[in-house]
Amino acid sequence: MRSGHLRGNDGRALPLTFLRFKPLVIPKRSLTDDATERVHTRVLPAIYRIESTDWVLFSGQQMDTFIEAQE
């Protein structure tokens, strides 16, 4: 099961469907904007489609996601 929650609103889950990975691993952007911060983390972007149409969502809006792992 894959679900997402709007950042700051974890009361209701949005169902997600996996579409694809972006074929490029990129360095994680710095979160502190400190010029001396070093980035050692790489990110593989995954693209999901939100299956719910009854929410008003905006481009760039942050979400928290949960992806259940198989044993």
PDB file of N, CA and C in Angstrom:
ATOM      1  N   MET A   1       0.843  -1.178   0.000  1.00  0.00           N
ATOM      2  CA  MET A   1       0.000   0.000   0.000  1.00  0.00           C
ATOM      3  C   MET A   1       0.883   1.234   0.000  1.00  0.00           C
ATOM      4  N   ARG A   2       0.548   2.147  -0.856  1.00  0.00           N
ATOM      5  CA  ARG A   2       1.270   3.411  -0.928  1.00  0.00           C
ATOM      6  C   ARG A   2       0.276   4.520  -0.648  1.00  0.00           C
ATOM      7  N   SER A   3       0.638   5.395   0.269  1.00  0.00           N
ATOM      8  CA  SER A   3      -0.264   6.499   0.574  1.00  0.00           C
ATOM      9  C   SER A   3       0.551   7.744   0.898  1.00  0.00           C
ATOM     10  N   GLY A   4      -0.076   8.883   0.707  1.00  0.00           N
ATOM     11  CA  GLY A   4       0.568  10.153   0.992  1.00  0.00           C
ATOM     12  C   GLY A   4      -0.331  11.017   1.856  1.00  0.00           C
ATOM     13  N   HIS A   5       0.289  11.889   2.603  1.00  0.00           N
ATOM     14  CA  HIS A   5      -0.425  12.835   3.454  1.00  0.00           C
ATOM     15  C   HIS A   5       0.109  14.225   3.151  1.00  0.00           C
ATOM     16  N   LEU A   6      -0.774  15.201   3.025  1.00  0.00           N
ATOM     17  CA  LEU A   6      -0.310  16.570   2.852  1.00  0.00           C
ATOM     18  C   LEU A   6       0.480  16.975   4.075  1.00  0.00           C
ATOM     19  N   ARG A   7       1.574  17.671   3.878  1.00  0.00           N
ATOM     20  CA  ARG A   7       2.438  18.087   4.979  1.00  0.00           C
ATOM     21  C   ARG A   7       1.630  18.897   5.972  1.00  0.00           C
ATOM     22  N   GLY A   8       1.626  18.471   7.236  1.00  0.00           N
ATOM     23  CA  GLY A   8       0.890  19.158   8.279  1.00  0.00           C
ATOM     24  C   GLY A   8      -0.541  18.686   8.440  1.00  0.00           C
ATOM     25  N   ASN A   9      -1.001  17.760   7.586  1.00  0.00           N
ATOM     26  CA  ASN A   9      -2.372  17.250   7.671  1.00  0.00           C
ATOM     27  C   ASN A   9      -2.315  15.734   7.498  1.00  0.00           C
ATOM     28  N   ASP A  10      -2.064  15.025   8.579  1.00  0.00           N
ATOM     29  CA  ASP A  10      -1.920  13.576   8.467  1.00  0.00           C
ATOM     30  C   ASP A  10      -3.207  12.832   8.791  1.00  0.00           C
ATOM     31  N   GLY A  11      -4.319  13.521   8.831  1.00  0.00           N
ATOM     32  CA  GLY A  11      -5.572  12.877   9.178  1.00  0.00           C
ATOM     33  C   GLY A  11      -6.186  12.051   8.070  1.00  0.00           C
ATOM     34  N   ARG A  12      -5.862  12.347   6.823  1.00  0.00           N
ATOM     35  CA  ARG A  12      -6.493  11.643   5.711  1.00  0.00           C
ATOM     36  C   ARG A  12      -5.450  11.284   4.653  1.00  0.00           C
ATOM     37  N   ALA A  13      -5.421  10.030   4.257  1.00  0.00           N
ATOM     38  CA  ALA A  13      -4.420   9.551   3.309  1.00  0.00           C
ATOM     39  C   ALA A  13      -4.911   9.696   1.873  1.00  0.00           C
ATOM     40  N   LEU A  14      -3.978   9.993   0.992  1.00  0.00           N
ATOM     41  CA  LEU A  14      -4.246  10.035  -0.443  1.00  0.00           C
ATOM     42  C   LEU A  14      -3.629   8.788  -1.070  1.00  0.00           C
ATOM     43  N   PRO A  15      -4.397   7.970  -1.799  1.00  0.00           N
ATOM     44  CA  PRO A  15      -3.821   6.786  -2.424  1.00  0.00           C
ATOM     45  C   PRO A  15      -2.904   7.170  -3.583  1.00  0.00           C
ATOM     46  N   LEU A  16      -1.764   6.487  -3.673  1.00  0.00           N
ATOM     47  CA  LEU A  16      -0.770   6.769  -4.706  1.00  0.00           C
ATOM     48  C   LEU A  16      -0.550   5.550  -5.587  1.00  0.00           C
ATOM     49  N   THR A  17      -0.238   5.788  -6.860  1.00  0.00           N
ATOM     50  CA  THR A  17       0.133   4.730  -7.794  1.00  0.00           C
ATOM     51  C   THR A  17       1.505   5.055  -8.360  1.00  0.00           C
ATOM     52  N   PHE A  18       2.428   4.095  -8.290  1.00  0.00           N
ATOM     53  CA  PHE A  18       3.778   4.303  -8.806  1.00  0.00           C
ATOM     54  C   PHE A  18       3.743   4.411 -10.323  1.00  0.00           C
ATOM     55  N   LEU A  19       4.434   5.420 -10.868  1.00  0.00           N
ATOM     56  CA  LEU A  19       4.539   5.574 -12.312  1.00  0.00           C
ATOM     57  C   LEU A  19       5.918   5.182 -12.817  1.00  0.00           C
ATOM     58  N   ARG A  20       6.963   5.823 -12.288  1.00  0.00           N
ATOM     59  CA  ARG A  20       8.319   5.524 -12.767  1.00  0.00           C
ATOM     60  C   ARG A  20       9.357   6.202 -11.873  1.00  0.00           C
ATOM     61  N   PHE A  21      10.602   5.771 -12.046  1.00  0.00           N
ATOM     62  CA  PHE A  21      11.739   6.455 -11.447  1.00  0.00           C
ATOM     63  C   PHE A  21      12.306   7.417 -12.474  1.00  0.00           C
ATOM     64  N   LYS A  22      12.805   8.558 -12.020  1.00  0.00           N
ATOM     65  CA  LYS A  22      13.567   9.424 -12.915  1.00  0.00           C
ATOM     66  C   LYS A  22      14.925   8.758 -13.103  1.00  0.00           C
ATOM     67  N   PRO A  23      15.432   8.692 -14.321  1.00  0.00           N
ATOM     68  CA  PRO A  23      16.660   7.905 -14.570  1.00  0.00           C
ATOM     69  C   PRO A  23      17.947   8.624 -14.195  1.00  0.00           C
ATOM     70  N   LEU A  24      17.913   9.470 -13.168  1.00  0.00           N
ATOM     71  CA  LEU A  24      19.096  10.221 -12.793  1.00  0.00           C
ATOM     72  C   LEU A  24      19.152  10.345 -11.277  1.00  0.00           C
ATOM     73  N   VAL A  25      20.244   9.866 -10.685  1.00  0.00           N
ATOM     74  CA  VAL A  25      20.443  10.018  -9.245  1.00  0.00           C
ATOM     75  C   VAL A  25      21.118  11.362  -9.029  1.00  0.00           C
ATOM     76  N   ILE A  26      20.536  12.187  -8.159  1.00  0.00           N
ATOM     77  CA  ILE A  26      21.030  13.544  -7.964  1.00  0.00           C
ATOM     78  C   ILE A  26      21.442  13.761  -6.511  1.00  0.00           C
ATOM     79  N   PRO A  27      22.353  14.713  -6.256  1.00  0.00           N
ATOM     80  CA  PRO A  27      22.684  15.035  -4.864  1.00  0.00           C
ATOM     81  C   PRO A  27      21.491  15.671  -4.167  1.00  0.00           C
ATOM     82  N   LYS A  28      21.307  15.325  -2.907  1.00  0.00           N
ATOM     83  CA  LYS A  28      20.231  15.927  -2.127  1.00  0.00           C
ATOM     84  C   LYS A  28      20.539  17.407  -1.932  1.00  0.00           C
ATOM     85  N   ARG A  29      19.532  18.256  -2.115  1.00  0.00           N
ATOM     86  CA  ARG A  29      19.726  19.689  -1.930  1.00  0.00           C
ATOM     87  C   ARG A  29      19.969  19.997  -0.458  1.00  0.00           C
ATOM     88  N   SER A  30      20.798  20.996  -0.224  1.00  0.00           N
ATOM     89  CA  SER A  30      21.054  21.368   1.164  1.00  0.00           C
ATOM     90  C   SER A  30      19.801  21.959   1.776  1.00  0.00           C
ATOM     91  N   LEU A  31      19.585  21.677   3.023  1.00  0.00           N
ATOM     92  CA  LEU A  31      18.400  22.152   3.719  1.00  0.00           C
ATOM     93  C   LEU A  31      18.681  23.404   4.537  1.00  0.00           C
ATOM     94  N   THR A  32      19.957  23.678   4.830  1.00  0.00           N
ATOM     95  CA  THR A  32      20.281  24.814   5.683  1.00  0.00           C
ATOM     96  C   THR A  32      20.759  26.022   4.899  1.00  0.00           C
ATOM     97  N   ASP A  33      21.070  25.858   3.623  1.00  0.00           N
ATOM     98  CA  ASP A  33      21.625  26.918   2.775  1.00  0.00           C
ATOM     99  C   ASP A  33      22.941  27.463   3.308  1.00  0.00           C
ATOM    100  N   ASP A  34      23.624  26.710   4.136  1.00  0.00           N
ATOM    101  CA  ASP A  34      24.937  27.101   4.645  1.00  0.00           C
ATOM    102  C   ASP A  34      25.964  26.791   3.560  1.00  0.00           C
ATOM    103  N   ALA A  35      26.822  27.743   3.231  1.00  0.00           N
ATOM    104  CA  ALA A  35      27.802  27.570   2.156  1.00  0.00           C
ATOM    105  C   ALA A  35      28.802  26.470   2.460  1.00  0.00           C
ATOM    106  N   THR A  36      29.027  26.157   3.738  1.00  0.00           N
ATOM    107  CA  THR A  36      30.015  25.135   4.104  1.00  0.00           C
ATOM    108  C   THR A  36      29.389  23.746   4.253  1.00  0.00           C
ATOM    109  N   GLU A  37      28.083  23.651   4.072  1.00  0.00           N
ATOM    110  CA  GLU A  37      27.422  22.347   4.216  1.00  0.00           C
ATOM    111  C   GLU A  37      27.834  21.426   3.079  1.00  0.00           C
ATOM    112  N   ARG A  38      28.210  20.222   3.428  1.00  0.00           N
ATOM    113  CA  ARG A  38      28.576  19.226   2.414  1.00  0.00           C
ATOM    114  C   ARG A  38      27.438  18.218   2.284  1.00  0.00           C
ATOM    115  N   VAL A  39      27.177  17.826   1.052  1.00  0.00           N
ATOM    116  CA  VAL A  39      26.082  16.894   0.783  1.00  0.00           C
ATOM    117  C   VAL A  39      26.668  15.551   0.383  1.00  0.00           C
ATOM    118  N   HIS A  40      26.337  14.499   1.131  1.00  0.00           N
ATOM    119  CA  HIS A  40      26.844  13.161   0.849  1.00  0.00           C
ATOM    120  C   HIS A  40      25.707  12.196   0.544  1.00  0.00           C
ATOM    121  N   THR A  41      24.531  12.710   0.379  1.00  0.00           N
ATOM    122  CA  THR A  41      23.372  11.863   0.140  1.00  0.00           C
ATOM    123  C   THR A  41      22.936  11.999  -1.311  1.00  0.00           C
ATOM    124  N   ARG A  42      22.606  10.881  -1.931  1.00  0.00           N
ATOM    125  CA  ARG A  42      22.090  10.885  -3.296  1.00  0.00           C
ATOM    126  C   ARG A  42      20.627  10.473  -3.254  1.00  0.00           C
ATOM    127  N   VAL A  43      19.845  11.003  -4.166  1.00  0.00           N
ATOM    128  CA  VAL A  43      18.407  10.761  -4.180  1.00  0.00           C
ATOM    129  C   VAL A  43      17.999  10.212  -5.539  1.00  0.00           C
ATOM    130  N   LEU A  44      17.184   9.162  -5.533  1.00  0.00           N
ATOM    131  CA  LEU A  44      16.588   8.628  -6.752  1.00  0.00           C
ATOM    132  C   LEU A  44      15.124   9.050  -6.753  1.00  0.00           C
ATOM    133  N   PRO A  45      14.758  10.062  -7.547  1.00  0.00           N
ATOM    134  CA  PRO A  45      13.372  10.538  -7.541  1.00  0.00           C
ATOM    135  C   PRO A  45      12.398   9.479  -8.073  1.00  0.00           C
ATOM    136  N   ALA A  46      11.305   9.295  -7.366  1.00  0.00           N
ATOM    137  CA  ALA A  46      10.237   8.395  -7.785  1.00  0.00           C
ATOM    138  C   ALA A  46       8.992   9.239  -8.055  1.00  0.00           C
ATOM    139  N   ILE A  47       8.288   8.920  -9.131  1.00  0.00           N
ATOM    140  CA  ILE A  47       7.101   9.683  -9.519  1.00  0.00           C
ATOM    141  C   ILE A  47       5.866   8.831  -9.269  1.00  0.00           C
ATOM    142  N   TYR A  48       4.912   9.400  -8.536  1.00  0.00           N
ATOM    143  CA  TYR A  48       3.659   8.732  -8.214  1.00  0.00           C
ATOM    144  C   TYR A  48       2.488   9.569  -8.707  1.00  0.00           C
ATOM    145  N   ARG A  49       1.404   8.911  -9.040  1.00  0.00           N
ATOM    146  CA  ARG A  49       0.166   9.600  -9.393  1.00  0.00           C
ATOM    147  C   ARG A  49      -0.751   9.558  -8.177  1.00  0.00           C
ATOM    148  N   ILE A  50      -1.364  10.700  -7.865  1.00  0.00           N
ATOM    149  CA  ILE A  50      -2.333  10.772  -6.771  1.00  0.00           C
ATOM    150  C   ILE A  50      -3.685  10.359  -7.333  1.00  0.00           C
ATOM    151  N   GLU A  51      -4.293   9.332  -6.747  1.00  0.00           N
ATOM    152  CA  GLU A  51      -5.524   8.764  -7.281  1.00  0.00           C
ATOM    153  C   GLU A  51      -6.791   9.459  -6.798  1.00  0.00           C
ATOM    154  N   SER A  52      -6.699  10.325  -5.830  1.00  0.00           N
ATOM    155  CA  SER A  52      -7.867  11.002  -5.286  1.00  0.00           C
ATOM    156  C   SER A  52      -8.090  12.316  -6.027  1.00  0.00           C
ATOM    157  N   THR A  53      -9.329  12.632  -6.351  1.00  0.00           N
ATOM    158  CA  THR A  53      -9.617  13.875  -7.077  1.00  0.00           C
ATOM    159  C   THR A  53     -10.412  14.862  -6.225  1.00  0.00           C
ATOM    160  N   ASP A  54     -10.684  14.542  -4.985  1.00  0.00           N
ATOM    161  CA  ASP A  54     -11.497  15.429  -4.157  1.00  0.00           C
ATOM    162  C   ASP A  54     -10.670  16.365  -3.270  1.00  0.00           C
ATOM    163  N   TRP A  55      -9.371  16.489  -3.534  1.00  0.00           N
ATOM    164  CA  TRP A  55      -8.496  17.415  -2.815  1.00  0.00           C
ATOM    165  C   TRP A  55      -8.046  18.507  -3.757  1.00  0.00           C
ATOM    166  N   VAL A  56      -7.836  19.688  -3.226  1.00  0.00           N
ATOM    167  CA  VAL A  56      -7.221  20.771  -3.995  1.00  0.00           C
ATOM    168  C   VAL A  56      -5.730  20.739  -3.684  1.00  0.00           C
ATOM    169  N   LEU A  57      -4.933  20.417  -4.695  1.00  0.00           N
ATOM    170  CA  LEU A  57      -3.488  20.304  -4.528  1.00  0.00           C
ATOM    171  C   LEU A  57      -2.797  21.291  -5.458  1.00  0.00           C
ATOM    172  N   PHE A  58      -1.601  21.725  -5.064  1.00  0.00           N
ATOM    173  CA  PHE A  58      -0.850  22.688  -5.848  1.00  0.00           C
ATOM    174  C   PHE A  58       0.499  22.109  -6.238  1.00  0.00           C
ATOM    175  N   SER A  59       0.996  22.499  -7.392  1.00  0.00           N
ATOM    176  CA  SER A  59       2.304  22.066  -7.850  1.00  0.00           C
ATOM    177  C   SER A  59       3.366  22.496  -6.852  1.00  0.00           C
ATOM    178  N   GLY A  60       4.232  21.570  -6.465  1.00  0.00           N
ATOM    179  CA  GLY A  60       5.291  21.869  -5.515  1.00  0.00           C
ATOM    180  C   GLY A  60       4.901  21.699  -4.062  1.00  0.00           C
ATOM    181  N   GLN A  61       3.641  21.382  -3.805  1.00  0.00           N
ATOM    182  CA  GLN A  61       3.185  21.192  -2.429  1.00  0.00           C
ATOM    183  C   GLN A  61       3.850  19.944  -1.855  1.00  0.00           C
ATOM    184  N   GLN A  62       4.357  20.044  -0.634  1.00  0.00           N
ATOM    185  CA  GLN A  62       5.069  18.925  -0.037  1.00  0.00           C
ATOM    186  C   GLN A  62       4.110  17.924   0.581  1.00  0.00           C
ATOM    187  N   MET A  63       4.501  16.647   0.480  1.00  0.00           N
ATOM    188  CA  MET A  63       3.717  15.555   1.045  1.00  0.00           C
ATOM    189  C   MET A  63       4.640  14.634   1.822  1.00  0.00           C
ATOM    190  N   ASP A  64       4.084  13.980   2.811  1.00  0.00           N
ATOM    191  CA  ASP A  64       4.759  12.883   3.490  1.00  0.00           C
ATOM    192  C   ASP A  64       4.188  11.612   2.915  1.00  0.00           C
ATOM    193  N   THR A  65       5.049  10.647   2.634  1.00  0.00           N
ATOM    194  CA  THR A  65       4.580   9.410   2.009  1.00  0.00           C
ATOM    195  C   THR A  65       4.932   8.202   2.867  1.00  0.00           C
ATOM    196  N   PHE A  66       4.169   7.141   2.687  1.00  0.00           N
ATOM    197  CA  PHE A  66       4.402   5.870   3.364  1.00  0.00           C
ATOM    198  C   PHE A  66       4.350   4.775   2.320  1.00  0.00           C
ATOM    199  N   ILE A  67       5.412   3.990   2.240  1.00  0.00           N
ATOM    200  CA  ILE A  67       5.457   2.866   1.301  1.00  0.00           C
ATOM    201  C   ILE A  67       5.703   1.618   2.115  1.00  0.00           C
ATOM    202  N   GLU A  68       4.726   0.720   2.126  1.00  0.00           N
ATOM    203  CA  GLU A  68       4.815  -0.510   2.901  1.00  0.00           C
ATOM    204  C   GLU A  68       5.758  -1.478   2.194  1.00  0.00           C
ATOM    205  N   ALA A  69       6.750  -1.979   2.915  1.00  0.00           N
ATOM    206  CA  ALA A  69       7.732  -2.913   2.349  1.00  0.00           C
ATOM    207  C   ALA A  69       7.227  -4.338   2.472  1.00  0.00           C
ATOM    208  N   GLN A  70       7.573  -5.150   1.502  1.00  0.00           N
ATOM    209  CA  GLN A  70       7.243  -6.578   1.557  1.00  0.00           C
ATOM    210  C   GLN A  70       8.324  -7.300   2.334  1.00  0.00           C
ATOM    211  N   GLU A  71       7.925  -8.373   3.018  1.00  0.00           N
ATOM    212  CA  GLU A  71       8.910  -9.159   3.769  1.00  0.00           C
ATOM    213  C   GLU A  71       9.635 -10.107   2.865  1.00  0.00           C
TER     214      GLU A  71
END
